[in-house]
Full PDB file with SEQRES, HELIX, SHEET, SSBOND, CRYST1, ORIGX, SCALE, CONECT and MASTER records, all heavy atoms in Angstrom:
SEQRES   1 A   42  SER PHE ASP THR THR TRP LEU VAL THR ASP PHE GLN LEU          
SEQRES   2 A   42  GLU PRO LEU ASN GLY THR VAL SER GLY LEU THR SER PRO          
SEQRES   3 A   42  ALA THR ARG VAL ARG ALA VAL GLY GLN TYR LEU PHE PRO          
SEQRES   4 A   42  VAL TRP SER                                                  
HELIX    1 AA1 VAL A    8  ASP A   10  5                                   3    
SHEET    1 AA1 2 PHE A  11  GLU A  14  0                                        
SHEET    2 AA1 2 ARG A  29  ALA A  32 -1                                        
SHEET    1 AA2 2 THR A  19  VAL A  20  0                                        
SHEET    2 AA2 2 LEU A  23  THR A  24 -1                                        
CRYST1    1.000    1.000    1.000  90.00  90.00  90.00 P 1           1          
ORIGX1      1.000000  0.000000  0.000000        0.00000                         
ORIGX2      0.000000  1.000000  0.000000        0.00000                         
ORIGX3      0.000000  0.000000  1.000000        0.00000                         
SCALE1      1.000000  0.000000  0.000000        0.00000                         
SCALE2      0.000000  1.000000  0.000000        0.00000                         
SCALE3      0.000000  0.000000  1.000000        0.00000                         
ATOM      1  N   SER A   1    -126.469 -84.822 199.994  1.00  0.00           N  
ATOM      2  CA  SER A   1    -127.790 -85.415 200.224  1.00  0.00           C  
ATOM      3  C   SER A   1    -128.611 -85.315 198.942  1.00  0.00           C  
ATOM      4  O   SER A   1    -128.301 -84.516 198.053  1.00  0.00           O  
ATOM      5  CB  SER A   1    -128.524 -84.707 201.372  1.00  0.00           C  
ATOM      6  OG  SER A   1    -128.802 -83.353 201.013  1.00  0.00           O  
ATOM      7  N   PHE A   2    -129.657 -86.138 198.863  1.00  0.00           N  
ATOM      8  CA  PHE A   2    -130.567 -86.088 197.705  1.00  0.00           C  
ATOM      9  C   PHE A   2    -131.688 -85.118 198.062  1.00  0.00           C  
ATOM     10  O   PHE A   2    -132.693 -85.496 198.675  1.00  0.00           O  
ATOM     11  CB  PHE A   2    -131.083 -87.492 197.377  1.00  0.00           C  
ATOM     12  CG  PHE A   2    -129.991 -88.433 196.953  1.00  0.00           C  
ATOM     13  CD1 PHE A   2    -129.449 -89.347 197.843  1.00  0.00           C  
ATOM     14  CD2 PHE A   2    -129.475 -88.380 195.670  1.00  0.00           C  
ATOM     15  CE1 PHE A   2    -128.427 -90.201 197.465  1.00  0.00           C  
ATOM     16  CE2 PHE A   2    -128.446 -89.234 195.270  1.00  0.00           C  
ATOM     17  CZ  PHE A   2    -127.922 -90.142 196.167  1.00  0.00           C  
ATOM     18  N   ASP A   3    -131.499 -83.866 197.676  1.00  0.00           N  
ATOM     19  CA  ASP A   3    -132.353 -82.793 198.164  1.00  0.00           C  
ATOM     20  C   ASP A   3    -133.302 -82.213 197.128  1.00  0.00           C  
ATOM     21  O   ASP A   3    -134.058 -81.291 197.426  1.00  0.00           O  
ATOM     22  CB  ASP A   3    -131.493 -81.673 198.754  1.00  0.00           C  
ATOM     23  CG  ASP A   3    -130.420 -81.183 197.781  1.00  0.00           C  
ATOM     24  OD1 ASP A   3    -130.373 -81.689 196.637  1.00  0.00           O  
ATOM     25  OD2 ASP A   3    -129.637 -80.306 198.167  1.00  0.00           O  
ATOM     26  N   THR A   4    -133.275 -82.740 195.903  1.00  0.00           N  
ATOM     27  CA  THR A   4    -134.141 -82.226 194.847  1.00  0.00           C  
ATOM     28  C   THR A   4    -135.051 -83.335 194.358  1.00  0.00           C  
ATOM     29  O   THR A   4    -134.580 -84.333 193.805  1.00  0.00           O  
ATOM     30  CB  THR A   4    -133.319 -81.668 193.665  1.00  0.00           C  
ATOM     31  OG1 THR A   4    -132.407 -80.683 194.141  1.00  0.00           O  
ATOM     32  CG2 THR A   4    -134.248 -81.055 192.614  1.00  0.00           C  
ATOM     33  N   THR A   5    -136.345 -83.180 194.563  1.00  0.00           N  
ATOM     34  CA  THR A   5    -137.326 -84.184 194.146  1.00  0.00           C  
ATOM     35  C   THR A   5    -137.926 -83.797 192.803  1.00  0.00           C  
ATOM     36  O   THR A   5    -138.452 -82.690 192.642  1.00  0.00           O  
ATOM     37  CB  THR A   5    -138.449 -84.319 195.189  1.00  0.00           C  
ATOM     38  OG1 THR A   5    -137.884 -84.677 196.450  1.00  0.00           O  
ATOM     39  CG2 THR A   5    -139.454 -85.386 194.771  1.00  0.00           C  
ATOM     40  N   TRP A   6    -137.843 -84.698 191.845  1.00  0.00           N  
ATOM     41  CA  TRP A   6    -138.354 -84.445 190.503  1.00  0.00           C  
ATOM     42  C   TRP A   6    -139.829 -84.825 190.423  1.00  0.00           C  
ATOM     43  O   TRP A   6    -140.280 -85.780 191.068  1.00  0.00           O  
ATOM     44  CB  TRP A   6    -137.580 -85.247 189.471  1.00  0.00           C  
ATOM     45  CG  TRP A   6    -136.142 -84.857 189.311  1.00  0.00           C  
ATOM     46  CD1 TRP A   6    -135.285 -84.415 190.278  1.00  0.00           C  
ATOM     47  CD2 TRP A   6    -135.387 -84.896 188.098  1.00  0.00           C  
ATOM     48  NE1 TRP A   6    -134.039 -84.175 189.765  1.00  0.00           N  
ATOM     49  CE2 TRP A   6    -134.064 -84.457 188.427  1.00  0.00           C  
ATOM     50  CE3 TRP A   6    -135.676 -85.253 186.799  1.00  0.00           C  
ATOM     51  CZ2 TRP A   6    -133.059 -84.375 187.458  1.00  0.00           C  
ATOM     52  CZ3 TRP A   6    -134.667 -85.178 185.836  1.00  0.00           C  
ATOM     53  CH2 TRP A   6    -133.384 -84.744 186.167  1.00  0.00           C  
ATOM     54  N   LEU A   7    -140.576 -84.085 189.595  1.00  0.00           N  
ATOM     55  CA  LEU A   7    -141.949 -84.453 189.271  1.00  0.00           C  
ATOM     56  C   LEU A   7    -141.932 -85.490 188.144  1.00  0.00           C  
ATOM     57  O   LEU A   7    -140.935 -85.624 187.422  1.00  0.00           O  
ATOM     58  CB  LEU A   7    -142.744 -83.221 188.831  1.00  0.00           C  
ATOM     59  CG  LEU A   7    -142.862 -82.083 189.842  1.00  0.00           C  
ATOM     60  CD1 LEU A   7    -143.588 -80.897 189.211  1.00  0.00           C  
ATOM     61  CD2 LEU A   7    -143.575 -82.547 191.102  1.00  0.00           C  
ATOM     62  N   VAL A   8    -143.037 -86.195 187.975  1.00  0.00           N  
ATOM     63  CA  VAL A   8    -143.095 -87.207 186.910  1.00  0.00           C  
ATOM     64  C   VAL A   8    -142.983 -86.571 185.534  1.00  0.00           C  
ATOM     65  O   VAL A   8    -142.632 -87.247 184.550  1.00  0.00           O  
ATOM     66  CB  VAL A   8    -144.398 -88.033 187.002  1.00  0.00           C  
ATOM     67  CG1 VAL A   8    -144.414 -88.874 188.262  1.00  0.00           C  
ATOM     68  CG2 VAL A   8    -145.623 -87.127 186.954  1.00  0.00           C  
ATOM     69  N   THR A   9    -143.275 -85.273 185.435  1.00  0.00           N  
ATOM     70  CA  THR A   9    -143.154 -84.569 184.154  1.00  0.00           C  
ATOM     71  C   THR A   9    -141.733 -84.112 183.873  1.00  0.00           C  
ATOM     72  O   THR A   9    -141.444 -83.600 182.791  1.00  0.00           O  
ATOM     73  CB  THR A   9    -144.089 -83.353 184.131  1.00  0.00           C  
ATOM     74  OG1 THR A   9    -143.836 -82.542 185.298  1.00  0.00           O  
ATOM     75  CG2 THR A   9    -145.548 -83.794 184.134  1.00  0.00           C  
ATOM     76  N   ASP A  10    -140.827 -84.310 184.828  1.00  0.00           N  
ATOM     77  CA  ASP A  10    -139.439 -83.878 184.659  1.00  0.00           C  
ATOM     78  C   ASP A  10    -138.557 -84.947 184.018  1.00  0.00           C  
ATOM     79  O   ASP A  10    -137.413 -84.663 183.663  1.00  0.00           O  
ATOM     80  CB  ASP A  10    -138.833 -83.484 186.012  1.00  0.00           C  
ATOM     81  CG  ASP A  10    -139.442 -82.217 186.576  1.00  0.00           C  
ATOM     82  OD1 ASP A  10    -139.777 -81.322 185.777  1.00  0.00           O  
ATOM     83  OD2 ASP A  10    -139.598 -82.128 187.809  1.00  0.00           O  
ATOM     84  N   PHE A  11    -139.063 -86.171 183.920  1.00  0.00           N  
ATOM     85  CA  PHE A  11    -138.242 -87.243 183.366  1.00  0.00           C  
ATOM     86  C   PHE A  11    -139.102 -88.225 182.589  1.00  0.00           C  
ATOM     87  O   PHE A  11    -140.317 -88.290 182.753  1.00  0.00           O  
ATOM     88  CB  PHE A  11    -137.482 -87.981 184.473  1.00  0.00           C  
ATOM     89  CG  PHE A  11    -138.366 -88.734 185.443  1.00  0.00           C  
ATOM     90  CD1 PHE A  11    -138.696 -90.070 185.218  1.00  0.00           C  
ATOM     91  CD2 PHE A  11    -138.867 -88.110 186.572  1.00  0.00           C  
ATOM     92  CE1 PHE A  11    -139.505 -90.771 186.103  1.00  0.00           C  
ATOM     93  CE2 PHE A  11    -139.680 -88.799 187.465  1.00  0.00           C  
ATOM     94  CZ  PHE A  11    -139.997 -90.129 187.237  1.00  0.00           C  
ATOM     95  N   GLN A  12    -138.454 -88.997 181.724  1.00  0.00           N  
ATOM     96  CA  GLN A  12    -139.134 -90.086 181.020  1.00  0.00           C  
ATOM     97  C   GLN A  12    -138.260 -91.324 181.052  1.00  0.00           C  
ATOM     98  O   GLN A  12    -137.028 -91.241 181.011  1.00  0.00           O  
ATOM     99  CB  GLN A  12    -139.475 -89.715 179.577  1.00  0.00           C  
ATOM    100  CG  GLN A  12    -138.283 -89.545 178.657  1.00  0.00           C  
ATOM    101  CD  GLN A  12    -138.676 -89.102 177.257  1.00  0.00           C  
ATOM    102  OE1 GLN A  12    -139.756 -88.546 177.038  1.00  0.00           O  
ATOM    103  NE2 GLN A  12    -137.797 -89.327 176.290  1.00  0.00           N  
ATOM    104  N   LEU A  13    -138.916 -92.476 181.158  1.00  0.00           N  
ATOM    105  CA  LEU A  13    -138.212 -93.754 181.144  1.00  0.00           C  
ATOM    106  C   LEU A  13    -138.072 -94.242 179.714  1.00  0.00           C  
ATOM    107  O   LEU A  13    -138.989 -94.083 178.899  1.00  0.00           O  
ATOM    108  CB  LEU A  13    -138.982 -94.791 181.982  1.00  0.00           C  
ATOM    109  CG  LEU A  13    -139.193 -94.457 183.457  1.00  0.00           C  
ATOM    110  CD1 LEU A  13    -139.989 -95.560 184.142  1.00  0.00           C  
ATOM    111  CD2 LEU A  13    -137.863 -94.261 184.170  1.00  0.00           C  
ATOM    112  N   GLU A  14    -136.935 -94.823 179.409  1.00  0.00           N  
ATOM    113  CA  GLU A  14    -136.687 -95.336 178.066  1.00  0.00           C  
ATOM    114  C   GLU A  14    -136.164 -96.760 178.123  1.00  0.00           C  
ATOM    115  O   GLU A  14    -135.539 -97.127 179.135  1.00  0.00           O  
ATOM    116  CB  GLU A  14    -135.669 -94.424 177.342  1.00  0.00           C  
ATOM    117  CG  GLU A  14    -136.171 -93.019 177.153  1.00  0.00           C  
ATOM    118  CD  GLU A  14    -135.135 -92.111 176.491  1.00  0.00           C  
ATOM    119  OE1 GLU A  14    -133.949 -92.481 176.453  1.00  0.00           O  
ATOM    120  OE2 GLU A  14    -135.520 -91.036 176.017  1.00  0.00           O  
ATOM    121  N   PRO A  15    -136.407 -97.587 177.088  1.00  0.00           N  
ATOM    122  CA  PRO A  15    -136.992 -97.261 175.789  1.00  0.00           C  
ATOM    123  C   PRO A  15    -138.464 -96.872 175.905  1.00  0.00           C  
ATOM    124  O   PRO A  15    -139.203 -97.437 176.718  1.00  0.00           O  
ATOM    125  CB  PRO A  15    -136.824 -98.545 174.976  1.00  0.00           C  
ATOM    126  CG  PRO A  15    -136.764 -99.639 176.005  1.00  0.00           C  
ATOM    127  CD  PRO A  15    -136.070 -99.039 177.185  1.00  0.00           C  
ATOM    128  N   LEU A  16    -138.869 -95.900 175.081  1.00  0.00           N  
ATOM    129  CA  LEU A  16    -140.189 -95.303 175.193  1.00  0.00           C  
ATOM    130  C   LEU A  16    -141.315 -96.311 175.008  1.00  0.00           C  
ATOM    131  O   LEU A  16    -142.324 -96.250 175.690  1.00  0.00           O  
ATOM    132  CB  LEU A  16    -140.332 -94.169 174.171  1.00  0.00           C  
ATOM    133  CG  LEU A  16    -139.466 -92.929 174.423  1.00  0.00           C  
ATOM    134  CD1 LEU A  16    -139.630 -91.929 173.287  1.00  0.00           C  
ATOM    135  CD2 LEU A  16    -139.836 -92.293 175.753  1.00  0.00           C  
ATOM    136  N   ASN A  17    -141.155 -97.229 174.093  1.00  0.00           N  
ATOM    137  CA  ASN A  17    -142.228 -98.173 173.800  1.00  0.00           C  
ATOM    138  C   ASN A  17    -142.062 -99.518 174.484  1.00  0.00           C  
ATOM    139  O   ASN A  17    -142.790-100.465 174.204  1.00  0.00           O  
ATOM    140  CB  ASN A  17    -142.344 -98.370 172.283  1.00  0.00           C  
ATOM    141  CG  ASN A  17    -142.689 -97.070 171.579  1.00  0.00           C  
ATOM    142  OD1 ASN A  17    -143.631 -96.392 171.963  1.00  0.00           O  
ATOM    143  ND2 ASN A  17    -141.914 -96.710 170.564  1.00  0.00           N  
ATOM    144  N   GLY A  18    -141.083 -99.616 175.383  1.00  0.00           N  
ATOM    145  CA  GLY A  18    -140.903-100.835 176.153  1.00  0.00           C  
ATOM    146  C   GLY A  18    -140.433-102.031 175.358  1.00  0.00           C  
ATOM    147  O   GLY A  18    -140.645-103.174 175.762  1.00  0.00           O  
ATOM    148  N   THR A  19    -139.778-101.787 174.222  1.00  0.00           N  
ATOM    149  CA  THR A  19    -139.252-102.900 173.430  1.00  0.00           C  
ATOM    150  C   THR A  19    -137.842-102.569 172.948  1.00  0.00           C  
ATOM    151  O   THR A  19    -137.529-101.411 172.651  1.00  0.00           O  
ATOM    152  CB  THR A  19    -140.125-103.214 172.199  1.00  0.00           C  
ATOM    153  OG1 THR A  19    -140.213-102.051 171.358  1.00  0.00           O  
ATOM    154  CG2 THR A  19    -141.524-103.648 172.609  1.00  0.00           C  
ATOM    155  N   VAL A  20    -137.007-103.598 172.873  1.00  0.00           N  
ATOM    156  CA  VAL A  20    -135.657-103.473 172.315  1.00  0.00           C  
ATOM    157  C   VAL A  20    -135.450-104.650 171.374  1.00  0.00           C  
ATOM    158  O   VAL A  20    -135.583-105.800 171.778  1.00  0.00           O  
ATOM    159  CB  VAL A  20    -134.586-103.489 173.424  1.00  0.00           C  
ATOM    160  CG1 VAL A  20    -133.197-103.473 172.807  1.00  0.00           C  
ATOM    161  CG2 VAL A  20    -134.766-102.309 174.362  1.00  0.00           C  
ATOM    162  N   SER A  21    -135.159-104.350 170.122  1.00  0.00           N  
ATOM    163  CA  SER A  21    -134.948-105.391 169.098  1.00  0.00           C  
ATOM    164  C   SER A  21    -136.132-106.358 169.031  1.00  0.00           C  
ATOM    165  O   SER A  21    -135.946-107.569 168.866  1.00  0.00           O  
ATOM    166  CB  SER A  21    -133.643-106.155 169.377  1.00  0.00           C  
ATOM    167  OG  SER A  21    -132.540-105.276 169.375  1.00  0.00           O  
ATOM    168  N   GLY A  22    -137.335-105.825 169.198  1.00  0.00           N  
ATOM    169  CA  GLY A  22    -138.538-106.639 169.103  1.00  0.00           C  
ATOM    170  C   GLY A  22    -138.904-107.383 170.366  1.00  0.00           C  
ATOM    171  O   GLY A  22    -139.927-108.063 170.404  1.00  0.00           O  
ATOM    172  N   LEU A  23    -138.074-107.271 171.412  1.00  0.00           N  
ATOM    173  CA  LEU A  23    -138.346-107.964 172.670  1.00  0.00           C  
ATOM    174  C   LEU A  23    -138.833-106.967 173.714  1.00  0.00           C  
ATOM    175  O   LEU A  23    -138.324-105.847 173.814  1.00  0.00           O  
ATOM    176  CB  LEU A  23    -137.084-108.656 173.187  1.00  0.00           C  
ATOM    177  CG  LEU A  23    -136.517-109.778 172.314  1.00  0.00           C  
ATOM    178  CD1 LEU A  23    -135.165-110.227 172.866  1.00  0.00           C  
ATOM    179  CD2 LEU A  23    -137.484-110.957 172.260  1.00  0.00           C  
ATOM    180  N   THR A  24    -139.829-107.379 174.502  1.00  0.00           N  
ATOM    181  CA  THR A  24    -140.308-106.537 175.594  1.00  0.00           C  
ATOM    182  C   THR A  24    -139.183-106.303 176.589  1.00  0.00           C  
ATOM    183  O   THR A  24    -138.425-107.208 176.925  1.00  0.00           O  
ATOM    184  CB  THR A  24    -141.496-107.201 176.300  1.00  0.00           C  
ATOM    185  OG1 THR A  24    -142.558-107.383 175.350  1.00  0.00           O  
ATOM    186  CG2 THR A  24    -142.006-106.344 177.448  1.00  0.00           C  
ATOM    187  N   SER A  25    -139.057-105.058 177.057  1.00  0.00           N  
ATOM    188  CA  SER A  25    -137.963-104.708 177.961  1.00  0.00           C  
ATOM    189  C   SER A  25    -138.432-103.697 178.990  1.00  0.00           C  
ATOM    190  O   SER A  25    -139.237-102.814 178.674  1.00  0.00           O  
ATOM    191  CB  SER A  25    -136.787-104.122 177.163  1.00  0.00           C  
ATOM    192  OG  SER A  25    -135.787-103.621 178.030  1.00  0.00           O  
ATOM    193  N   PRO A  26    -137.930-103.792 180.222  1.00  0.00           N  
ATOM    194  CA  PRO A  26    -138.185-102.744 181.196  1.00  0.00           C  
ATOM    195  C   PRO A  26    -137.362-101.509 180.838  1.00  0.00           C  
ATOM    196  O   PRO A  26    -136.540-101.544 179.913  1.00  0.00           O  
ATOM    197  CB  PRO A  26    -137.722-103.364 182.517  1.00  0.00           C  
ATOM    198  CG  PRO A  26    -136.661-104.327 182.107  1.00  0.00           C  
ATOM    199  CD  PRO A  26    -137.091-104.868 180.779  1.00  0.00           C  
ATOM    200  N   ALA A  27    -137.552-100.427 181.562  1.00  0.00           N  
ATOM    201  CA  ALA A  27    -136.748 -99.231 181.331  1.00  0.00           C  
ATOM    202  C   ALA A  27    -135.321 -99.473 181.806  1.00  0.00           C  
ATOM    203  O   ALA A  27    -135.096-100.140 182.816  1.00  0.00           O  
ATOM    204  CB  ALA A  27    -137.355 -98.043 182.068  1.00  0.00           C  
ATOM    205  N   THR A  28    -134.365 -98.934 181.064  1.00  0.00           N  
ATOM    206  CA  THR A  28    -132.956 -99.082 181.440  1.00  0.00           C  
ATOM    207  C   THR A  28    -132.228 -97.738 181.464  1.00  0.00           C  
ATOM    208  O   THR A  28    -131.017 -97.702 181.655  1.00  0.00           O  
ATOM    209  CB  THR A  28    -132.225-100.024 180.468  1.00  0.00           C  
ATOM    210  OG1 THR A  28    -132.421 -99.552 179.124  1.00  0.00           O  
ATOM    211  CG2 THR A  28    -132.763-101.450 180.580  1.00  0.00           C  
ATOM    212  N   ARG A  29    -132.952 -96.660 181.257  1.00  0.00           N  
ATOM    213  CA  ARG A  29    -132.356 -95.337 181.380  1.00  0.00           C  
ATOM    214  C   ARG A  29    -133.455 -94.309 181.647  1.00  0.00           C  
ATOM    215  O   ARG A  29    -134.627 -94.523 181.340  1.00  0.00           O  
ATOM    216  CB  ARG A  29    -131.546 -94.945 180.148  1.00  0.00           C  
ATOM    217  CG  ARG A  29    -132.345 -94.881 178.858  1.00  0.00           C  
ATOM    218  CD  ARG A  29    -131.457 -94.560 177.659  1.00  0.00           C  
ATOM    219  NE  ARG A  29    -132.214 -94.609 176.414  1.00  0.00           N  
ATOM    220  CZ  ARG A  29    -132.348 -95.713 175.674  1.00  0.00           C  
ATOM    221  NH1 ARG A  29    -131.768 -96.840 176.054  1.00  0.00           N  
ATOM    222  NH2 ARG A  29    -133.072 -95.685 174.568  1.00  0.00           N  
ATOM    223  N   VAL A  30    -133.032 -93.184 182.224  1.00  0.00           N  
ATOM    224  CA  VAL A  30    -133.942 -92.084 182.530  1.00  0.00           C  
ATOM    225  C   VAL A  30    -133.432 -90.842 181.818  1.00  0.00           C  
ATOM    226  O   VAL A  30    -132.230 -90.530 181.879  1.00  0.00           O  
ATOM    227  CB  VAL A  30    -134.014 -91.822 184.051  1.00  0.00           C  
ATOM    228  CG1 VAL A  30    -135.001 -90.700 184.349  1.00  0.00           C  
ATOM    229  CG2 VAL A  30    -134.402 -93.091 184.800  1.00  0.00           C  
ATOM    230  N   ARG A  31    -134.339 -90.132 181.157  1.00  0.00           N  
ATOM    231  CA  ARG A  31    -133.963 -88.914 180.434  1.00  0.00           C  
ATOM    232  C   ARG A  31    -134.618 -87.700 181.092  1.00  0.00           C  
ATOM    233  O   ARG A  31    -135.816 -87.713 181.408  1.00  0.00           O  
ATOM    234  CB  ARG A  31    -134.380 -88.997 178.961  1.00  0.00           C  
ATOM    235  CG  ARG A  31    -133.934 -87.795 178.123  1.00  0.00           C  
ATOM    236  CD  ARG A  31    -134.314 -87.974 176.656  1.00  0.00           C  
ATOM    237  NE  ARG A  31    -133.695 -89.165 176.084  1.00  0.00           N  
ATOM    238  CZ  ARG A  31    -132.454 -89.196 175.595  1.00  0.00           C  
ATOM    239  NH1 ARG A  31    -131.703 -88.098 175.622  1.00  0.00           N  
ATOM    240  NH2 ARG A  31    -131.972 -90.305 175.084  1.00  0.00           N  
ATOM    241  N   ALA A  32    -133.836 -86.645 181.290  1.00  0.00           N  
ATOM    242  CA  ALA A  32    -134.364 -85.395 181.830  1.00  0.00           C  
ATOM    243  C   ALA A  32    -135.108 -84.648 180.738  1.00  0.00           C  
ATOM    244  O   ALA A  32    -134.550 -84.373 179.673  1.00  0.00           O  
ATOM    245  CB  ALA A  32    -133.224 -84.542 182.370  1.00  0.00           C  
ATOM    246  N   VAL A  33    -136.375 -84.324 180.989  1.00  0.00           N  
ATOM    247  CA  VAL A  33    -137.190 -83.644 179.969  1.00  0.00           C  
ATOM    248  C   VAL A  33    -137.934 -82.436 180.540  1.00  0.00           C  
ATOM    249  O   VAL A  33    -138.743 -81.825 179.848  1.00  0.00           O  
ATOM    250  CB  VAL A  33    -138.224 -84.616 179.341  1.00  0.00           C  
ATOM    251  CG1 VAL A  33    -137.533 -85.718 178.567  1.00  0.00           C  
ATOM    252  CG2 VAL A  33    -139.152 -85.204 180.400  1.00  0.00           C  
ATOM    253  N   GLY A  34    -137.678 -82.087 181.803  1.00  0.00           N  
ATOM    254  CA  GLY A  34    -138.427 -81.002 182.438  1.00  0.00           C  
ATOM    255  C   GLY A  34    -137.522 -79.886 182.941  1.00  0.00           C  
ATOM    256  O   GLY A  34    -136.596 -79.453 182.264  1.00  0.00           O  
ATOM    257  N   GLN A  35    -137.785 -79.471 184.171  1.00  0.00           N  
ATOM    258  CA  GLN A  35    -137.107 -78.289 184.705  1.00  0.00           C  
ATOM    259  C   GLN A  35    -135.724 -78.590 185.299  1.00  0.00           C  
ATOM    260  O   GLN A  35    -134.996 -77.663 185.650  1.00  0.00           O  
ATOM    261  CB  GLN A  35    -137.979 -77.641 185.786  1.00  0.00           C  
ATOM    262  CG  GLN A  35    -138.284 -78.555 186.974  1.00  0.00           C  
ATOM    263  CD  GLN A  35    -139.146 -77.887 188.031  1.00  0.00           C  
ATOM    264  OE1 GLN A  35    -138.985 -76.701 188.290  1.00  0.00           O  
ATOM    265  NE2 GLN A  35    -140.067 -78.654 188.629  1.00  0.00           N  
ATOM    266  N   TYR A  36    -135.366 -79.877 185.422  1.00  0.00           N  
ATOM    267  CA  TYR A  36    -134.085 -80.218 186.037  1.00  0.00           C  
ATOM    268  C   TYR A  36    -133.152 -80.924 185.065  1.00  0.00           C  
ATOM    269  O   TYR A  36    -133.590 -81.516 184.065  1.00  0.00           O  
ATOM    270  CB  TYR A  36    -134.294 -81.132 187.245  1.00  0.00           C  
ATOM    271  CG  TYR A  36    -135.147 -80.542 188.338  1.00  0.00           C  
ATOM    272  CD1 TYR A  36    -136.366 -81.127 188.688  1.00  0.00           C  
ATOM    273  CD2 TYR A  36    -134.734 -79.409 189.034  1.00  0.00           C  
ATOM    274  CE1 TYR A  36    -137.154 -80.598 189.688  1.00  0.00           C  
ATOM    275  CE2 TYR A  36    -135.515 -78.873 190.046  1.00  0.00           C  
ATOM    276  CZ  TYR A  36    -136.726 -79.467 190.370  1.00  0.00           C  
ATOM    277  OH  TYR A  36    -137.496 -78.932 191.362  1.00  0.00           O  
ATOM    278  N   LEU A  37    -131.863 -80.866 185.392  1.00  0.00           N  
ATOM    279  CA  LEU A  37    -130.842 -81.646 184.706  1.00  0.00           C  
ATOM    280  C   LEU A  37    -130.148 -82.514 185.747  1.00  0.00           C  
ATOM    281  O   LEU A  37    -130.137 -82.185 186.936  1.00  0.00           O  
ATOM    282  CB  LEU A  37    -129.817 -80.736 184.023  1.00  0.00           C  
ATOM    283  CG  LEU A  37    -130.328 -79.848 182.894  1.00  0.00           C  
ATOM    284  CD1 LEU A  37    -129.204 -78.962 182.381  1.00  0.00           C  
ATOM    285  CD2 LEU A  37    -130.915 -80.670 181.754  1.00  0.00           C  
ATOM    286  N   PHE A  38    -129.546 -83.610 185.294  1.00  0.00           N  
ATOM    287  CA  PHE A  38    -128.811 -84.466 186.211  1.00  0.00           C  
ATOM    288  C   PHE A  38    -127.492 -83.785 186.591  1.00  0.00           C  
ATOM    289  O   PHE A  38    -126.775 -83.294 185.714  1.00  0.00           O  
ATOM    290  CB  PHE A  38    -128.534 -85.832 185.585  1.00  0.00           C  
ATOM    291  CG  PHE A  38    -129.776 -86.641 185.348  1.00  0.00           C  
ATOM    292  CD1 PHE A  38    -130.135 -87.032 184.067  1.00  0.00           C  
ATOM    293  CD2 PHE A  38    -130.595 -87.016 186.406  1.00  0.00           C  
ATOM    294  CE1 PHE A  38    -131.282 -87.773 183.839  1.00  0.00           C  
ATOM    295  CE2 PHE A  38    -131.748 -87.761 186.191  1.00  0.00           C  
ATOM    296  CZ  PHE A  38    -132.084 -88.138 184.908  1.00  0.00           C  
ATOM    297  N   PRO A  39    -127.164 -83.757 187.876  1.00  0.00           N  
ATOM    298  CA  PRO A  39    -125.917 -83.099 188.299  1.00  0.00           C  
ATOM    299  C   PRO A  39    -124.689 -83.866 187.818  1.00  0.00           C  
ATOM    300  O   PRO A  39    -124.537 -85.042 188.081  1.00  0.00           O  
ATOM    301  CB  PRO A  39    -126.004 -83.129 189.833  1.00  0.00           C  
ATOM    302  CG  PRO A  39    -127.448 -83.393 190.140  1.00  0.00           C  
ATOM    303  CD  PRO A  39    -127.955 -84.231 189.015  1.00  0.00           C  
ATOM    304  N   VAL A  40    -123.840 -83.162 187.082  1.00  0.00           N  
ATOM    305  CA  VAL A  40    -122.563 -83.719 186.639  1.00  0.00           C  
ATOM    306  C   VAL A  40    -121.500 -82.698 187.005  1.00  0.00           C  
ATOM    307  O   VAL A  40    -121.449 -81.614 186.427  1.00  0.00           O  
ATOM    308  CB  VAL A  40    -122.546 -83.987 185.118  1.00  0.00           C  
ATOM    309  CG1 VAL A  40    -121.197 -84.559 184.696  1.00  0.00           C  
ATOM    310  CG2 VAL A  40    -123.662 -84.936 184.727  1.00  0.00           C  
ATOM    311  N   TRP A  41    -120.671 -83.025 187.980  1.00  0.00           N  
ATOM    312  CA  TRP A  41    -119.677 -82.073 188.459  1.00  0.00           C  
ATOM    313  C   TRP A  41    -118.402 -82.180 187.647  1.00  0.00           C  
ATOM    314  O   TRP A  41    -118.084 -83.220 187.069  1.00  0.00           O  
ATOM    315  CB  TRP A  41    -119.397 -82.311 189.944  1.00  0.00           C  
ATOM    316  CG  TRP A  41    -120.606 -82.073 190.787  1.00  0.00           C  
ATOM    317  CD1 TRP A  41    -121.198 -80.870 191.056  1.00  0.00           C  
ATOM    318  CD2 TRP A  41    -121.410 -83.052 191.436  1.00  0.00           C  
ATOM    319  NE1 TRP A  41    -122.305 -81.046 191.844  1.00  0.00           N  
ATOM    320  CE2 TRP A  41    -122.473 -82.381 192.095  1.00  0.00           C  
ATOM    321  CE3 TRP A  41    -121.344 -84.445 191.544  1.00  0.00           C  
ATOM    322  CZ2 TRP A  41    -123.437 -83.032 192.844  1.00  0.00           C  
ATOM    323  CZ3 TRP A  41    -122.306 -85.108 192.278  1.00  0.00           C  
ATOM    324  CH2 TRP A  41    -123.336 -84.407 192.910  1.00  0.00           C  
ATOM    325  N   SER A  42    -117.628 -81.134 187.642  1.00  0.00           N  
ATOM    326  CA  SER A  42    -116.383 -81.078 186.877  1.00  0.00           C  
ATOM    327  C   SER A  42    -115.323 -81.990 187.500  1.00  0.00           C  
ATOM    328  O   SER A  42    -115.459 -82.425 188.649  1.00  0.00           O  
ATOM    329  CB  SER A  42    -115.854 -79.643 186.831  1.00  0.00           C  
ATOM    330  OG  SER A  42    -115.470 -79.224 188.130  1.00  0.00           O  
TER     331      SER A  42                                                      
MASTER        0    0    0    1    4    0    0    6  330    1    0    4          
END                                                                             
């Protein structure tokens, strides 16, 4: 189950400035920057 809720301070959307190669772009990745890490099992 999805049992861990992140705060807005726990992640950031990228690209940070909303542009790629000079073109406006929505976010296409999420980076963990707070108290949690993304679960990656062995």
